[in-house]
Amino acid sequence: MSKKIKSLIEKEIATRLDGIEAVGVLNPRGINAIANNQIRRRLRDKKLRMTVVKNTLVTRATGTSKLKGFEKLLDGPSALVYGKGVGISVIARALLDEKKRLETLELRGAFFDGELYVGDKGVTAASKLPTREKAIGLIIAALLGPGKKLAGALKGPGGKLGAILKTIEEKATGAASPEAAPASA
């Protein structure tokens, strides 16, 4: 392949992976054309793409992106599974689903935020990570938890004091009113 063609392919890979934060890597060897199309279709339904890449070109294309460091997963024929705005857990679950359908599928691992999840065990661990929305919810709950306890601690004694004052007021106004006075015969 000429340098000009390699440069064009490298630019194409860089534009496809622009803005991608998580990627799964699998070995496409041994997958026939029909199975390949079925895998791609199921991944597309989950808003994911699969691209077979040349290792040296993808390494150069991602040299300055957020995916820098995932090249350790590239060994021999490689296919990348990725999606825009899709978290690592979604990619890992999709790869595990495909592994269940096609036992011979070799999962090399997943990469997210500078961390490698190597092999089947790594992909399984990555699939158990919370989604982005769930992680944000957990953080917000952790931040709001102490505030709720503080508000309850401040509101509780004040509410009791208010109830006592209201009871005293009701007794005081009830004794002073003429209707509440006992009738003397």
N, C-alpha and C. Protein backbone atom coordinates (compact mmCIF):
# COMPACT_ATOMS: atom_id res chain seq x y z
N MET A 1 0.85 -1.17 0.00
CA MET A 1 0.00 0.00 0.00
C MET A 1 0.90 1.24 0.00
N SER A 2 0.56 2.24 -0.79
CA SER A 2 1.37 3.44 -0.86
C SER A 2 1.15 4.32 0.36
N LYS A 3 2.07 5.23 0.59
CA LYS A 3 1.97 6.13 1.74
C LYS A 3 0.73 7.01 1.64
N LYS A 4 0.38 7.41 0.43
CA LYS A 4 -0.79 8.26 0.22
C LYS A 4 -2.07 7.53 0.63
N ILE A 5 -2.20 6.28 0.25
CA ILE A 5 -3.38 5.48 0.61
C ILE A 5 -3.42 5.26 2.12
N LYS A 6 -2.26 4.93 2.70
CA LYS A 6 -2.21 4.73 4.15
C LYS A 6 -2.61 6.01 4.88
N SER A 7 -2.17 7.15 4.37
CA SER A 7 -2.52 8.43 4.98
C SER A 7 -4.02 8.68 4.90
N LEU A 8 -4.63 8.37 3.78
CA LEU A 8 -6.08 8.54 3.62
C LEU A 8 -6.85 7.62 4.58
N ILE A 9 -6.41 6.37 4.68
CA ILE A 9 -7.07 5.43 5.59
C ILE A 9 -6.92 5.89 7.03
N GLU A 10 -5.73 6.37 7.37
CA GLU A 10 -5.48 6.86 8.73
C GLU A 10 -6.39 8.04 9.06
N LYS A 11 -6.58 8.95 8.12
CA LYS A 11 -7.48 10.10 8.34
C LYS A 11 -8.92 9.64 8.50
N GLU A 12 -9.32 8.65 7.70
CA GLU A 12 -10.67 8.12 7.79
C GLU A 12 -10.92 7.48 9.16
N ILE A 13 -9.97 6.72 9.64
CA ILE A 13 -10.09 6.08 10.96
C ILE A 13 -10.14 7.17 12.04
N ALA A 14 -9.31 8.20 11.91
CA ALA A 14 -9.29 9.28 12.90
C ALA A 14 -10.63 10.00 12.94
N THR A 15 -11.27 10.23 11.80
CA THR A 15 -12.57 10.90 11.80
C THR A 15 -13.66 9.99 12.37
N ARG A 16 -13.58 8.69 12.09
CA ARG A 16 -14.58 7.76 12.65
C ARG A 16 -14.47 7.68 14.16
N LEU A 17 -13.25 7.71 14.69
CA LEU A 17 -13.04 7.55 16.13
C LEU A 17 -12.98 8.88 16.86
N ASP A 18 -13.24 9.98 16.16
CA ASP A 18 -13.22 11.29 16.80
C ASP A 18 -14.38 11.40 17.80
N GLY A 19 -14.07 11.74 19.03
CA GLY A 19 -15.08 11.87 20.07
C GLY A 19 -15.45 10.56 20.76
N ILE A 20 -14.84 9.47 20.36
CA ILE A 20 -15.11 8.17 20.98
C ILE A 20 -14.26 8.04 22.24
N GLU A 21 -14.90 7.64 23.33
CA GLU A 21 -14.20 7.51 24.61
C GLU A 21 -13.98 6.06 25.01
N ALA A 22 -14.77 5.16 24.45
CA ALA A 22 -14.69 3.74 24.83
C ALA A 22 -14.69 2.89 23.57
N VAL A 23 -13.94 1.79 23.64
CA VAL A 23 -13.84 0.91 22.48
C VAL A 23 -13.67 -0.53 22.95
N GLY A 24 -14.27 -1.45 22.21
CA GLY A 24 -14.08 -2.87 22.45
C GLY A 24 -13.29 -3.45 21.28
N VAL A 25 -12.46 -4.42 21.55
CA VAL A 25 -11.63 -5.02 20.50
C VAL A 25 -11.89 -6.52 20.47
N LEU A 26 -12.10 -7.04 19.26
CA LEU A 26 -12.28 -8.47 19.10
C LEU A 26 -11.49 -8.95 17.90
N ASN A 27 -11.32 -10.24 17.82
CA ASN A 27 -10.58 -10.87 16.72
C ASN A 27 -11.60 -11.33 15.68
N PRO A 28 -11.57 -10.74 14.46
CA PRO A 28 -12.57 -11.11 13.45
C PRO A 28 -12.25 -12.42 12.72
N ARG A 29 -11.12 -13.04 13.03
CA ARG A 29 -10.71 -14.27 12.36
C ARG A 29 -11.72 -15.38 12.67
N GLY A 30 -12.11 -16.10 11.63
CA GLY A 30 -13.02 -17.23 11.81
C GLY A 30 -14.48 -16.87 11.73
N ILE A 31 -14.81 -15.61 11.49
CA ILE A 31 -16.21 -15.20 11.35
C ILE A 31 -16.53 -15.16 9.86
N ASN A 32 -17.51 -15.96 9.43
CA ASN A 32 -17.86 -15.95 8.01
C ASN A 32 -18.67 -14.71 7.67
N ALA A 33 -18.92 -14.48 6.40
CA ALA A 33 -19.58 -13.26 5.94
C ALA A 33 -20.99 -13.11 6.50
N ILE A 34 -21.72 -14.19 6.57
CA ILE A 34 -23.09 -14.11 7.07
C ILE A 34 -23.10 -13.74 8.55
N ALA A 35 -22.26 -14.40 9.34
CA ALA A 35 -22.17 -14.08 10.77
C ALA A 35 -21.68 -12.65 10.97
N ASN A 36 -20.74 -12.22 10.13
CA ASN A 36 -20.21 -10.85 10.21
C ASN A 36 -21.34 -9.84 9.99
N ASN A 37 -22.15 -10.04 8.97
CA ASN A 37 -23.26 -9.13 8.70
C ASN A 37 -24.29 -9.15 9.82
N GLN A 38 -24.55 -10.32 10.39
CA GLN A 38 -25.51 -10.42 11.49
C GLN A 38 -24.99 -9.68 12.72
N ILE A 39 -23.70 -9.84 13.02
CA ILE A 39 -23.11 -9.14 14.16
C ILE A 39 -23.21 -7.63 13.95
N ARG A 40 -22.83 -7.16 12.77
CA ARG A 40 -22.89 -5.72 12.47
C ARG A 40 -24.32 -5.19 12.58
N ARG A 41 -25.29 -5.96 12.13
CA ARG A 41 -26.69 -5.52 12.20
C ARG A 41 -27.14 -5.40 13.65
N ARG A 42 -26.82 -6.41 14.46
CA ARG A 42 -27.22 -6.35 15.88
C ARG A 42 -26.52 -5.20 16.59
N LEU A 43 -25.25 -4.97 16.27
CA LEU A 43 -24.53 -3.85 16.88
C LEU A 43 -25.13 -2.52 16.43
N ARG A 44 -25.51 -2.41 15.17
CA ARG A 44 -26.10 -1.18 14.66
C ARG A 44 -27.41 -0.88 15.38
N ASP A 45 -28.17 -1.92 15.71
CA ASP A 45 -29.42 -1.73 16.46
C ASP A 45 -29.16 -1.13 17.84
N LYS A 46 -27.98 -1.37 18.38
CA LYS A 46 -27.59 -0.84 19.68
C LYS A 46 -26.78 0.45 19.55
N LYS A 47 -26.79 1.04 18.33
CA LYS A 47 -26.06 2.29 18.03
C LYS A 47 -24.55 2.11 18.15
N LEU A 48 -24.08 0.93 17.77
CA LEU A 48 -22.65 0.63 17.78
C LEU A 48 -22.19 0.30 16.36
N ARG A 49 -20.90 0.46 16.12
CA ARG A 49 -20.31 0.12 14.83
C ARG A 49 -19.14 -0.82 15.05
N MET A 50 -18.88 -1.64 14.04
CA MET A 50 -17.72 -2.52 14.07
C MET A 50 -16.89 -2.22 12.83
N THR A 51 -15.60 -1.96 13.05
CA THR A 51 -14.69 -1.65 11.95
C THR A 51 -13.46 -2.53 12.08
N VAL A 52 -13.14 -3.24 11.00
CA VAL A 52 -11.90 -4.02 10.96
C VAL A 52 -10.79 -3.05 10.57
N VAL A 53 -9.69 -3.08 11.32
CA VAL A 53 -8.63 -2.08 11.14
C VAL A 53 -7.27 -2.73 11.00
N LYS A 54 -6.37 -1.98 10.43
CA LYS A 54 -4.96 -2.36 10.39
C LYS A 54 -4.33 -1.74 11.63
N ASN A 55 -3.67 -2.54 12.44
CA ASN A 55 -3.20 -2.11 13.76
C ASN A 55 -2.31 -0.88 13.71
N THR A 56 -1.36 -0.84 12.81
CA THR A 56 -0.43 0.30 12.77
C THR A 56 -1.15 1.59 12.40
N LEU A 57 -2.11 1.51 11.49
CA LEU A 57 -2.82 2.71 11.07
C LEU A 57 -3.73 3.24 12.18
N VAL A 58 -4.41 2.35 12.89
CA VAL A 58 -5.29 2.81 13.97
C VAL A 58 -4.47 3.34 15.15
N THR A 59 -3.28 2.79 15.36
CA THR A 59 -2.41 3.30 16.42
C THR A 59 -1.97 4.72 16.11
N ARG A 60 -1.60 4.96 14.85
CA ARG A 60 -1.21 6.32 14.46
C ARG A 60 -2.41 7.27 14.48
N ALA A 61 -3.57 6.80 14.08
CA ALA A 61 -4.77 7.64 14.01
C ALA A 61 -5.25 8.07 15.39
N THR A 62 -5.04 7.23 16.41
CA THR A 62 -5.53 7.55 17.76
C THR A 62 -4.42 8.04 18.68
N GLY A 63 -3.29 8.40 18.12
CA GLY A 63 -2.14 8.81 18.92
C GLY A 63 -2.39 9.98 19.84
N THR A 64 -3.25 10.92 19.44
CA THR A 64 -3.50 12.11 20.26
C THR A 64 -4.92 12.16 20.80
N SER A 65 -5.69 11.11 20.61
CA SER A 65 -7.09 11.13 21.06
C SER A 65 -7.22 10.54 22.47
N LYS A 66 -8.47 10.45 22.92
CA LYS A 66 -8.76 9.87 24.23
C LYS A 66 -8.50 8.37 24.26
N LEU A 67 -8.34 7.77 23.09
CA LEU A 67 -8.12 6.33 22.99
C LEU A 67 -6.64 5.95 23.04
N LYS A 68 -5.79 6.91 23.28
CA LYS A 68 -4.35 6.62 23.33
C LYS A 68 -4.09 5.61 24.46
N GLY A 69 -3.46 4.51 24.13
CA GLY A 69 -3.15 3.49 25.10
C GLY A 69 -3.88 2.18 24.88
N PHE A 70 -4.89 2.17 24.01
CA PHE A 70 -5.63 0.93 23.80
C PHE A 70 -4.92 0.00 22.82
N GLU A 71 -3.82 0.46 22.21
CA GLU A 71 -3.12 -0.35 21.21
C GLU A 71 -2.54 -1.64 21.79
N LYS A 72 -2.50 -1.77 23.11
CA LYS A 72 -2.02 -3.00 23.73
C LYS A 72 -2.98 -4.16 23.46
N LEU A 73 -4.23 -3.84 23.12
CA LEU A 73 -5.22 -4.86 22.80
C LEU A 73 -5.10 -5.34 21.35
N LEU A 74 -4.35 -4.60 20.55
CA LEU A 74 -4.23 -4.92 19.13
C LEU A 74 -3.11 -5.94 18.92
N ASP A 75 -3.48 -7.12 18.49
CA ASP A 75 -2.50 -8.18 18.23
C ASP A 75 -3.09 -9.07 17.14
N GLY A 76 -2.57 -8.96 15.95
CA GLY A 76 -3.12 -9.72 14.83
C GLY A 76 -4.34 -9.01 14.28
N PRO A 77 -5.20 -9.73 13.57
CA PRO A 77 -6.40 -9.11 13.01
C PRO A 77 -7.27 -8.52 14.13
N SER A 78 -7.73 -7.30 13.93
CA SER A 78 -8.50 -6.64 14.98
C SER A 78 -9.72 -5.94 14.40
N ALA A 79 -10.81 -5.99 15.16
CA ALA A 79 -12.02 -5.25 14.83
C ALA A 79 -12.39 -4.42 16.04
N LEU A 80 -12.70 -3.16 15.81
CA LEU A 80 -13.08 -2.24 16.89
C LEU A 80 -14.59 -2.13 16.94
N VAL A 81 -15.13 -2.14 18.15
CA VAL A 81 -16.56 -1.91 18.35
C VAL A 81 -16.67 -0.64 19.17
N TYR A 82 -17.42 0.34 18.65
CA TYR A 82 -17.49 1.65 19.28
C TYR A 82 -18.81 2.31 18.93
N GLY A 83 -19.12 3.40 19.61
CA GLY A 83 -20.31 4.17 19.32
C GLY A 83 -20.20 5.55 19.93
N LYS A 84 -20.78 6.52 19.28
CA LYS A 84 -20.75 7.90 19.79
C LYS A 84 -21.74 8.02 20.95
N GLY A 85 -21.25 8.55 22.06
CA GLY A 85 -22.08 8.75 23.23
C GLY A 85 -22.48 7.47 23.93
N VAL A 86 -21.76 6.41 23.67
CA VAL A 86 -22.07 5.10 24.27
C VAL A 86 -20.99 4.76 25.28
N GLY A 87 -21.40 4.31 26.44
CA GLY A 87 -20.44 3.98 27.50
C GLY A 87 -19.84 2.60 27.33
N ILE A 88 -18.83 2.35 28.13
CA ILE A 88 -18.10 1.08 28.07
C ILE A 88 -18.99 -0.09 28.44
N SER A 89 -19.91 0.10 29.37
CA SER A 89 -20.75 -1.03 29.79
C SER A 89 -21.67 -1.49 28.67
N VAL A 90 -22.16 -0.57 27.86
CA VAL A 90 -23.03 -0.94 26.73
C VAL A 90 -22.23 -1.73 25.70
N ILE A 91 -21.02 -1.27 25.41
CA ILE A 91 -20.16 -1.97 24.45
C ILE A 91 -19.81 -3.37 24.97
N ALA A 92 -19.45 -3.45 26.24
CA ALA A 92 -19.06 -4.74 26.83
C ALA A 92 -20.24 -5.72 26.84
N ARG A 93 -21.43 -5.23 27.17
CA ARG A 93 -22.60 -6.12 27.16
C ARG A 93 -22.91 -6.62 25.75
N ALA A 94 -22.76 -5.73 24.76
CA ALA A 94 -22.99 -6.15 23.37
C ALA A 94 -21.98 -7.21 22.95
N LEU A 95 -20.72 -7.03 23.34
CA LEU A 95 -19.70 -8.03 23.00
C LEU A 95 -19.99 -9.36 23.67
N LEU A 96 -20.43 -9.33 24.92
CA LEU A 96 -20.76 -10.58 25.62
C LEU A 96 -21.96 -11.27 24.99
N ASP A 97 -22.94 -10.49 24.53
CA ASP A 97 -24.09 -11.07 23.83
C ASP A 97 -23.65 -11.78 22.56
N GLU A 98 -22.73 -11.14 21.82
CA GLU A 98 -22.22 -11.75 20.59
C GLU A 98 -21.40 -13.00 20.90
N LYS A 99 -20.68 -12.98 22.00
CA LYS A 99 -19.88 -14.14 22.41
C LYS A 99 -20.80 -15.33 22.73
N LYS A 100 -21.97 -15.05 23.32
CA LYS A 100 -22.93 -16.12 23.61
C LYS A 100 -23.47 -16.73 22.32
N ARG A 101 -23.69 -15.90 21.31
CA ARG A 101 -24.23 -16.38 20.04
C ARG A 101 -23.18 -17.14 19.24
N LEU A 102 -21.93 -16.66 19.28
CA LEU A 102 -20.86 -17.25 18.48
C LEU A 102 -19.71 -17.60 19.42
N GLU A 103 -19.68 -18.84 19.85
CA GLU A 103 -18.71 -19.31 20.84
C GLU A 103 -17.25 -19.10 20.41
N THR A 104 -16.98 -19.14 19.10
CA THR A 104 -15.60 -19.03 18.62
C THR A 104 -15.10 -17.59 18.60
N LEU A 105 -15.94 -16.64 18.90
CA LEU A 105 -15.55 -15.23 18.89
C LEU A 105 -14.53 -14.96 20.00
N GLU A 106 -13.40 -14.38 19.62
CA GLU A 106 -12.35 -14.07 20.60
C GLU A 106 -12.42 -12.60 20.98
N LEU A 107 -12.72 -12.35 22.25
CA LEU A 107 -12.76 -10.98 22.76
C LEU A 107 -11.38 -10.62 23.29
N ARG A 108 -10.80 -9.57 22.75
CA ARG A 108 -9.48 -9.16 23.21
C ARG A 108 -9.57 -8.26 24.43
N GLY A 109 -10.65 -7.48 24.51
CA GLY A 109 -10.80 -6.62 25.67
C GLY A 109 -11.54 -5.35 25.34
N ALA A 110 -11.51 -4.43 26.30
CA ALA A 110 -12.17 -3.14 26.16
C ALA A 110 -11.27 -2.07 26.76
N PHE A 111 -11.49 -0.84 26.34
CA PHE A 111 -10.68 0.28 26.80
C PHE A 111 -11.59 1.47 27.07
N PHE A 112 -11.39 2.09 28.25
CA PHE A 112 -12.16 3.28 28.60
C PHE A 112 -11.38 4.10 29.62
N ASP A 113 -11.26 5.37 29.36
CA ASP A 113 -10.67 6.33 30.29
C ASP A 113 -9.27 5.91 30.76
N GLY A 114 -8.47 5.43 29.83
CA GLY A 114 -7.10 5.06 30.15
C GLY A 114 -6.94 3.70 30.81
N GLU A 115 -8.04 2.96 30.98
CA GLU A 115 -7.97 1.65 31.63
C GLU A 115 -8.26 0.54 30.63
N LEU A 116 -7.43 -0.48 30.68
CA LEU A 116 -7.61 -1.65 29.83
C LEU A 116 -8.36 -2.73 30.59
N TYR A 117 -9.32 -3.35 29.93
CA TYR A 117 -10.03 -4.51 30.46
C TYR A 117 -9.72 -5.65 29.48
N VAL A 118 -8.78 -6.51 29.85
CA VAL A 118 -8.21 -7.48 28.92
C VAL A 118 -8.98 -8.80 28.95
N GLY A 119 -9.25 -9.35 27.77
CA GLY A 119 -9.85 -10.67 27.63
C GLY A 119 -11.31 -10.74 28.02
N ASP A 120 -11.82 -11.97 28.08
CA ASP A 120 -13.22 -12.20 28.44
C ASP A 120 -13.53 -11.70 29.84
N LYS A 121 -12.61 -11.94 30.77
CA LYS A 121 -12.82 -11.50 32.16
C LYS A 121 -12.88 -9.98 32.24
N GLY A 122 -12.03 -9.31 31.49
CA GLY A 122 -12.03 -7.86 31.49
C GLY A 122 -13.30 -7.28 30.91
N VAL A 123 -13.78 -7.89 29.83
CA VAL A 123 -15.03 -7.43 29.21
C VAL A 123 -16.20 -7.68 30.16
N THR A 124 -16.18 -8.80 30.87
CA THR A 124 -17.23 -9.09 31.85
C THR A 124 -17.20 -8.05 32.98
N ALA A 125 -16.02 -7.71 33.44
CA ALA A 125 -15.89 -6.68 34.49
C ALA A 125 -16.38 -5.33 33.98
N ALA A 126 -16.07 -4.99 32.74
CA ALA A 126 -16.50 -3.72 32.17
C ALA A 126 -18.01 -3.68 31.99
N SER A 127 -18.62 -4.82 31.73
CA SER A 127 -20.08 -4.85 31.54
C SER A 127 -20.83 -4.57 32.83
N LYS A 128 -20.17 -4.78 33.96
CA LYS A 128 -20.82 -4.57 35.26
C LYS A 128 -20.67 -3.13 35.75
N LEU A 129 -19.91 -2.32 35.03
CA LEU A 129 -19.78 -0.91 35.40
C LEU A 129 -21.10 -0.20 35.14
N PRO A 130 -21.42 0.83 35.93
CA PRO A 130 -22.69 1.54 35.70
C PRO A 130 -22.63 2.36 34.41
N THR A 131 -23.79 2.57 33.82
CA THR A 131 -23.87 3.44 32.65
C THR A 131 -23.61 4.88 33.09
N ARG A 132 -23.41 5.75 32.15
CA ARG A 132 -23.12 7.15 32.46
C ARG A 132 -24.25 7.77 33.29
N GLU A 133 -25.49 7.55 32.88
CA GLU A 133 -26.64 8.12 33.57
C GLU A 133 -26.75 7.58 35.00
N LYS A 134 -26.52 6.28 35.14
CA LYS A 134 -26.60 5.66 36.46
C LYS A 134 -25.49 6.18 37.37
N ALA A 135 -24.28 6.37 36.82
CA ALA A 135 -23.17 6.90 37.61
C ALA A 135 -23.46 8.32 38.07
N ILE A 136 -24.03 9.13 37.20
CA ILE A 136 -24.40 10.50 37.58
C ILE A 136 -25.44 10.47 38.69
N GLY A 137 -26.43 9.58 38.57
CA GLY A 137 -27.45 9.44 39.61
C GLY A 137 -26.87 9.03 40.95
N LEU A 138 -25.90 8.11 40.93
CA LEU A 138 -25.26 7.68 42.18
C LEU A 138 -24.48 8.83 42.81
N ILE A 139 -23.81 9.62 42.00
CA ILE A 139 -23.04 10.76 42.53
C ILE A 139 -23.98 11.79 43.14
N ILE A 140 -25.07 12.09 42.46
CA ILE A 140 -26.03 13.07 42.97
C ILE A 140 -26.66 12.57 44.27
N ALA A 141 -26.99 11.29 44.32
CA ALA A 141 -27.56 10.72 45.55
C ALA A 141 -26.56 10.82 46.70
N ALA A 142 -25.29 10.57 46.41
CA ALA A 142 -24.27 10.66 47.45
C ALA A 142 -24.11 12.10 47.94
N LEU A 143 -24.24 13.05 47.02
CA LEU A 143 -24.11 14.45 47.41
C LEU A 143 -25.32 14.94 48.19
N LEU A 144 -26.51 14.47 47.82
CA LEU A 144 -27.73 14.94 48.47
C LEU A 144 -28.02 14.23 49.78
N GLY A 145 -27.46 13.04 49.99
CA GLY A 145 -27.72 12.27 51.21
C GLY A 145 -27.45 13.03 52.50
N PRO A 146 -26.24 13.58 52.69
CA PRO A 146 -25.97 14.33 53.92
C PRO A 146 -26.86 15.56 54.08
N GLY A 147 -27.19 16.20 52.97
CA GLY A 147 -28.07 17.38 53.03
C GLY A 147 -29.45 17.02 53.52
N LYS A 148 -29.98 15.86 53.08
CA LYS A 148 -31.29 15.41 53.54
C LYS A 148 -31.27 15.12 55.03
N LYS A 149 -30.19 14.48 55.48
CA LYS A 149 -30.08 14.17 56.91
C LYS A 149 -30.02 15.45 57.74
N LEU A 150 -29.26 16.43 57.26
CA LEU A 150 -29.13 17.70 57.97
C LEU A 150 -30.48 18.42 58.01
N ALA A 151 -31.19 18.45 56.89
CA ALA A 151 -32.50 19.10 56.85
C ALA A 151 -33.47 18.39 57.79
N GLY A 152 -33.43 17.07 57.83
CA GLY A 152 -34.29 16.32 58.74
C GLY A 152 -33.96 16.60 60.19
N ALA A 153 -32.65 16.71 60.50
CA ALA A 153 -32.23 17.00 61.87
C ALA A 153 -32.67 18.39 62.29
N LEU A 154 -32.62 19.34 61.39
CA LEU A 154 -33.05 20.71 61.71
C LEU A 154 -34.56 20.83 61.77
N LYS A 155 -35.24 20.12 60.89
CA LYS A 155 -36.69 20.22 60.81
C LYS A 155 -37.38 19.44 61.94
N GLY A 156 -36.80 18.32 62.34
CA GLY A 156 -37.43 17.46 63.35
C GLY A 156 -37.71 18.17 64.67
N PRO A 157 -36.69 18.69 65.37
CA PRO A 157 -36.95 19.35 66.66
C PRO A 157 -37.82 20.60 66.50
N GLY A 158 -37.66 21.31 65.40
CA GLY A 158 -38.48 22.50 65.16
C GLY A 158 -39.94 22.14 64.99
N GLY A 159 -40.20 21.05 64.31
CA GLY A 159 -41.57 20.58 64.12
C GLY A 159 -42.20 20.16 65.44
N LYS A 160 -41.43 19.49 66.29
CA LYS A 160 -41.94 19.06 67.60
C LYS A 160 -42.25 20.28 68.46
N LEU A 161 -41.33 21.25 68.45
CA LEU A 161 -41.54 22.48 69.22
C LEU A 161 -42.77 23.22 68.74
N GLY A 162 -42.97 23.27 67.42
CA GLY A 162 -44.16 23.93 66.85
C GLY A 162 -45.43 23.23 67.29
N ALA A 163 -45.42 21.90 67.31
CA ALA A 163 -46.61 21.14 67.73
C ALA A 163 -46.92 21.39 69.20
N ILE A 164 -45.89 21.46 70.04
CA ILE A 164 -46.10 21.74 71.48
C ILE A 164 -46.66 23.13 71.66
N LEU A 165 -46.11 24.11 70.97
CA LEU A 165 -46.61 25.49 71.07
C LEU A 165 -48.06 25.58 70.60
N LYS A 166 -48.41 24.88 69.54
CA LYS A 166 -49.78 24.90 69.03
C LYS A 166 -50.73 24.29 70.05
N THR A 167 -50.32 23.21 70.70
CA THR A 167 -51.15 22.57 71.72
C THR A 167 -51.35 23.50 72.91
N ILE A 168 -50.29 24.17 73.34
CA ILE A 168 -50.39 25.13 74.46
C ILE A 168 -51.32 26.27 74.09
N GLU A 169 -51.19 26.76 72.85
CA GLU A 169 -52.03 27.87 72.39
C GLU A 169 -53.49 27.46 72.35
N GLU A 170 -53.75 26.24 71.86
CA GLU A 170 -55.13 25.76 71.78
C GLU A 170 -55.73 25.61 73.17
N LYS A 171 -54.95 25.13 74.14
CA LYS A 171 -55.45 24.99 75.51
C LYS A 171 -55.69 26.35 76.13
N ALA A 172 -54.78 27.30 75.88
CA ALA A 172 -54.92 28.64 76.45
C ALA A 172 -56.13 29.36 75.87
N THR A 173 -56.34 29.29 74.59
CA THR A 173 -57.48 29.97 73.98
C THR A 173 -58.77 29.23 74.27
N GLY A 174 -58.69 27.95 74.45
CA GLY A 174 -59.89 27.17 74.76
C GLY A 174 -60.36 27.45 76.18
N ALA A 175 -59.50 27.69 77.14
CA ALA A 175 -59.88 27.95 78.53
C ALA A 175 -60.40 29.37 78.69
N ALA A 176 -59.94 30.31 77.86
CA ALA A 176 -60.35 31.69 77.97
C ALA A 176 -61.68 31.95 77.28
N SER A 177 -62.12 31.13 76.41
CA SER A 177 -63.36 31.40 75.69
C SER A 177 -64.55 31.04 76.57
N PRO A 178 -65.63 31.81 76.44
CA PRO A 178 -66.79 31.57 77.29
C PRO A 178 -67.52 30.26 77.00
N GLU A 179 -67.43 29.76 75.80
CA GLU A 179 -68.13 28.54 75.46
C GLU A 179 -67.47 27.34 76.15
N ALA A 180 -66.20 27.44 76.43
CA ALA A 180 -65.49 26.33 77.03
C ALA A 180 -65.68 26.31 78.54
N ALA A 181 -66.15 27.41 79.12
CA ALA A 181 -66.33 27.47 80.58
C ALA A 181 -67.48 26.56 80.98
N PRO A 182 -67.35 25.89 82.15
CA PRO A 182 -68.43 25.00 82.57
C PRO A 182 -69.66 25.81 83.00
N ALA A 183 -70.80 25.28 82.72
CA ALA A 183 -72.04 25.98 83.07
C ALA A 183 -72.37 25.70 84.53
N SER A 184 -72.61 26.79 85.26
CA SER A 184 -72.95 26.61 86.66
C SER A 184 -74.44 26.78 86.83
N ALA A 185 -75.06 25.92 87.50
CA ALA A 185 -76.50 25.93 87.65
C ALA A 185 -76.93 26.38 88.99
